[in-house]
């Protein structure tokens, strides 16, 4: 069984953050609000990723969180830079904005999957809310593909609590355990790539090895 404390600093503050997130069963906005009121917690960043499963409506989302040592604006700039997305995120092989209307972009993605499988799909991406990006599937791979980025300022806006949540229905039978493990692994890879591009090399830390990322 995976240790939920892996990747967190072995301090009482780290344990307090873990308790806020899981024992209190806070929603994403409520957790952000609780964290923002705890200046002591903000002074001690998390290293690594925390995952949780959350039901939104009748859909199961895997909600992943990590702390990024960069401003929310900088993180937002990267996750919405579709022109350079292939350069930022190693799982992507193609990315193209097809149209834009009233703050919603239709974006085609091509991505690598396990083995020789390739994914190609179009998402409707809503960037109309401050520091939040939401998406739903239009067509292509998967029966359902929806989720969001949520960027919460930490430490006076110097760092960002990044939330990446995703629900996927592959359109064929697949054990829920397998689907959720794939989503957790994907989130960790995305966070790793994100940190490599937005953080200073001195503090960009791989959530698995804890080694400095060059």
Protein backbone atom coordinates (compact mmCIF):
# COMPACT_ATOMS: atom_id res chain seq x y z
CA UNK A 1 0.00 0.00 0.00
CA UNK A 2 1.32 3.38 -0.97
CA UNK A 3 2.37 5.58 1.92
CA UNK A 4 0.27 8.81 1.72
CA UNK A 5 2.98 10.72 3.58
CA UNK A 6 5.61 9.96 0.93
CA UNK A 7 6.96 13.18 -0.53
CA UNK A 8 5.97 15.37 2.45
CA UNK A 9 8.44 16.86 4.89
CA UNK A 10 8.68 14.86 8.07
CA UNK A 11 7.47 17.67 10.28
CA UNK A 12 4.44 18.37 12.43
CA UNK A 13 3.41 21.06 9.92
CA UNK A 14 3.46 18.53 7.09
CA UNK A 15 1.21 16.25 9.13
CA UNK A 16 -1.13 19.17 9.82
CA UNK A 17 -1.52 19.86 6.11
CA UNK A 18 -2.26 16.17 5.50
CA UNK A 19 -4.89 16.24 8.24
CA UNK A 20 -6.53 19.36 6.77
CA UNK A 21 -6.77 17.77 3.35
CA UNK A 22 -8.05 14.32 4.24
CA UNK A 23 -9.27 13.98 7.83
CA UNK A 24 -11.41 17.10 7.54
CA UNK A 25 -12.73 15.99 4.12
CA UNK A 26 -12.50 19.55 2.79
CA UNK A 27 -13.52 20.43 -0.74
CA UNK A 28 -10.97 22.14 -2.99
CA UNK A 29 -12.12 25.73 -2.22
CA UNK A 30 -12.53 24.97 1.49
CA UNK A 31 -9.06 23.47 1.70
CA UNK A 32 -7.57 26.50 -0.04
CA UNK A 33 -9.37 28.81 2.38
CA UNK A 34 -8.20 26.81 5.39
CA UNK A 35 -4.63 26.79 4.13
CA UNK A 36 -4.62 30.52 3.45
CA UNK A 37 -5.51 31.18 7.09
CA UNK A 38 -2.58 29.16 8.38
CA UNK A 39 0.51 31.32 7.87
CA UNK A 40 2.62 28.73 9.67
CA UNK A 41 1.66 26.13 7.08
CA UNK A 42 2.45 28.45 4.19
CA UNK A 43 6.02 28.88 5.41
CA UNK A 44 6.73 25.16 5.01
CA UNK A 45 6.17 23.96 1.44
CA UNK A 46 5.21 20.43 0.49
CA UNK A 47 7.45 18.33 -1.70
CA UNK A 48 5.64 15.67 -3.69
CA UNK A 49 2.04 14.97 -4.63
CA UNK A 50 -1.13 14.22 -2.67
CA UNK A 51 -3.92 12.30 -4.39
CA UNK A 52 -7.57 11.88 -3.39
CA UNK A 53 -10.72 10.54 -5.01
CA UNK A 54 -13.69 12.88 -5.09
CA UNK A 55 -17.22 12.39 -6.39
CA UNK A 56 -18.50 15.41 -8.31
CA UNK A 57 -22.08 14.75 -9.27
CA UNK A 58 -22.14 11.12 -10.38
CA UNK A 59 -18.56 11.16 -11.63
CA UNK A 60 -15.42 10.03 -9.86
CA UNK A 61 -12.48 12.41 -10.12
CA UNK A 62 -8.88 11.82 -9.14
CA UNK A 63 -7.81 15.10 -7.51
CA UNK A 64 -4.04 15.63 -7.30
CA UNK A 65 -2.27 18.48 -5.52
CA UNK A 66 1.29 19.71 -5.32
CA UNK A 67 3.10 22.87 -4.32
CA UNK A 68 4.91 24.71 -7.10
CA UNK A 69 7.51 27.34 -6.28
CA UNK A 70 6.32 29.84 -8.88
CA UNK A 71 3.58 32.45 -9.03
CA UNK A 72 0.03 31.39 -10.02
CA UNK A 73 0.28 33.71 -13.02
CA UNK A 74 3.40 31.94 -14.26
CA UNK A 75 1.82 28.52 -13.80
CA UNK A 76 -1.36 29.67 -15.57
CA UNK A 77 0.73 30.99 -18.47
CA UNK A 78 2.35 27.58 -18.99
CA UNK A 79 -0.74 25.37 -18.64
CA UNK A 80 -2.62 27.54 -21.16
CA UNK A 81 0.26 27.91 -23.64
CA UNK A 82 -1.05 25.41 -26.18
CA UNK A 83 1.37 26.55 -28.87
CA UNK A 84 4.28 25.27 -26.76
CA UNK A 85 2.49 22.49 -24.87
CA UNK A 86 4.45 19.74 -26.60
CA UNK A 87 7.68 21.34 -25.43
CA UNK A 88 6.42 21.60 -21.85
CA UNK A 89 4.66 18.25 -21.34
CA UNK A 90 6.38 15.02 -22.35
CA UNK A 91 3.17 12.99 -22.70
CA UNK A 92 1.97 15.18 -25.59
CA UNK A 93 2.91 14.67 -29.24
CA UNK A 94 0.63 17.35 -30.68
CA UNK A 95 -1.50 20.32 -29.62
CA UNK A 96 -3.50 22.72 -31.79
CA UNK A 97 -6.09 25.40 -31.03
CA UNK A 98 -8.96 24.86 -33.46
CA UNK A 99 -11.25 27.73 -32.43
CA UNK A 100 -12.01 30.23 -29.68
CA UNK A 101 -15.28 31.83 -28.63
CA UNK A 102 -16.20 33.72 -25.44
CA UNK A 103 -13.21 32.47 -23.48
CA UNK A 104 -13.67 28.83 -24.52
CA UNK A 105 -11.10 27.22 -26.79
CA UNK A 106 -11.48 24.00 -28.73
CA UNK A 107 -8.07 22.34 -28.60
CA UNK A 108 -6.93 19.12 -30.27
CA UNK A 109 -4.44 17.00 -28.33
CA UNK A 110 -2.38 14.02 -29.41
CA UNK A 111 -0.79 12.05 -26.61
CA UNK A 112 1.25 8.95 -25.91
CA UNK A 113 -0.26 6.13 -23.86
CA UNK A 114 0.96 2.79 -22.56
CA UNK A 115 2.66 0.65 -25.18
CA UNK A 116 1.91 1.56 -28.81
CA UNK A 117 -1.49 3.12 -28.07
CA UNK A 118 -1.97 6.73 -29.17
CA UNK A 119 -4.68 9.15 -28.08
CA UNK A 120 -6.25 11.91 -30.13
CA UNK A 121 -9.08 14.07 -28.79
CA UNK A 122 -10.59 17.56 -28.79
CA UNK A 123 -11.39 19.38 -25.56
CA UNK A 124 -13.48 22.49 -24.89
CA UNK A 125 -11.30 24.48 -22.48
CA UNK A 126 -12.80 27.31 -20.43
CA UNK A 127 -10.30 29.93 -19.20
CA UNK A 128 -12.87 32.53 -18.18
CA UNK A 129 -12.37 32.14 -14.40
CA UNK A 130 -9.31 33.65 -12.66
CA UNK A 131 -6.54 31.09 -12.06
CA UNK A 132 -8.79 28.20 -13.05
CA UNK A 133 -9.04 26.14 -16.23
CA UNK A 134 -11.89 23.69 -16.88
CA UNK A 135 -12.34 21.25 -19.74
CA UNK A 136 -14.78 18.74 -21.23
CA UNK A 137 -14.48 16.33 -24.13
CA UNK A 138 -15.83 17.29 -27.56
CA UNK A 139 -14.75 14.26 -29.58
CA UNK A 140 -12.03 11.68 -30.03
CA UNK A 141 -10.50 9.20 -27.60
CA UNK A 142 -12.46 8.40 -24.42
CA UNK A 143 -16.19 8.45 -23.80
CA UNK A 144 -15.67 11.17 -21.18
CA UNK A 145 -12.69 13.36 -20.39
CA UNK A 146 -13.19 16.31 -18.09
CA UNK A 147 -11.41 18.09 -15.30
CA UNK A 148 -9.82 21.29 -14.11
CA UNK A 149 -6.69 23.11 -13.01
CA UNK A 150 -7.07 25.23 -9.88
CA UNK A 151 -4.22 27.56 -8.84
CA UNK A 152 -4.24 28.88 -5.26
CA UNK A 153 -1.67 31.55 -4.25
CA UNK A 154 0.55 30.51 -1.34
CA UNK A 155 3.14 32.46 0.65
CA UNK A 156 1.94 35.85 -0.55
CA UNK A 157 1.67 34.69 -4.15
CA UNK A 158 5.28 33.52 -4.40
CA UNK A 159 4.20 29.89 -4.70
CA UNK A 160 1.12 28.06 -5.92
CA UNK A 161 -0.95 25.17 -4.61
CA UNK A 162 -1.71 23.45 -7.91
CA UNK A 163 -4.74 21.19 -8.17
CA UNK A 164 -5.16 18.94 -11.21
CA UNK A 165 -8.43 16.99 -11.23
CA UNK A 166 -9.59 14.61 -13.91
CA UNK A 167 -12.44 12.20 -14.70
CA UNK A 168 -12.06 9.73 -17.55
CA UNK A 169 -14.41 7.11 -18.94
CA UNK A 170 -12.38 5.17 -21.52
CA UNK A 171 -15.51 3.93 -23.30
CA UNK A 172 -14.76 0.27 -22.65
CA UNK A 173 -14.56 -1.90 -19.57
CA UNK A 174 -11.56 -1.10 -17.41
CA UNK A 175 -11.26 -1.66 -13.67
CA UNK A 176 -11.73 1.56 -11.72
CA UNK A 177 -8.53 0.82 -9.81
CA UNK A 178 -6.55 0.73 -13.07
CA UNK A 179 -8.13 3.92 -14.42
CA UNK A 180 -7.44 5.84 -11.21
CA UNK A 181 -3.85 4.58 -10.98
CA UNK A 182 -3.28 5.75 -14.54
CA UNK A 183 -4.69 9.18 -13.67
CA UNK A 184 -2.48 9.42 -10.57
CA UNK A 185 0.62 8.49 -12.56
CA UNK A 186 -0.30 10.96 -15.31
CA UNK A 187 -0.77 13.77 -12.78
CA UNK A 188 2.64 13.12 -11.25
CA UNK A 189 4.30 13.22 -14.67
CA UNK A 190 2.48 16.45 -15.54
CA UNK A 191 3.51 18.05 -12.24
CA UNK A 192 7.11 17.00 -12.82
CA UNK A 193 7.11 18.59 -16.28
CA UNK A 194 5.37 21.71 -14.98
CA UNK A 195 7.91 22.22 -12.19
CA UNK A 196 10.79 21.75 -14.60
CA UNK A 197 9.60 24.70 -16.66
CA UNK A 198 8.34 27.16 -14.03
CA UNK A 199 10.58 26.66 -11.01
CA UNK A 200 14.15 27.72 -10.50
CA UNK A 201 16.48 24.73 -11.12
CA UNK A 202 17.64 24.98 -7.49
CA UNK A 203 14.20 24.16 -6.13
CA UNK A 204 12.63 22.09 -8.92
CA UNK A 205 12.25 18.75 -7.15
CA UNK A 206 11.16 15.49 -8.70
CA UNK A 207 8.29 14.15 -6.57
CA UNK A 208 9.68 10.61 -6.75
CA UNK A 209 13.45 10.86 -6.43
CA UNK A 210 13.66 14.20 -4.55
CA UNK A 211 16.63 15.03 -6.77
CA UNK A 212 17.20 18.44 -8.28
CA UNK A 213 15.85 18.61 -11.79
CA UNK A 214 18.21 20.26 -14.22
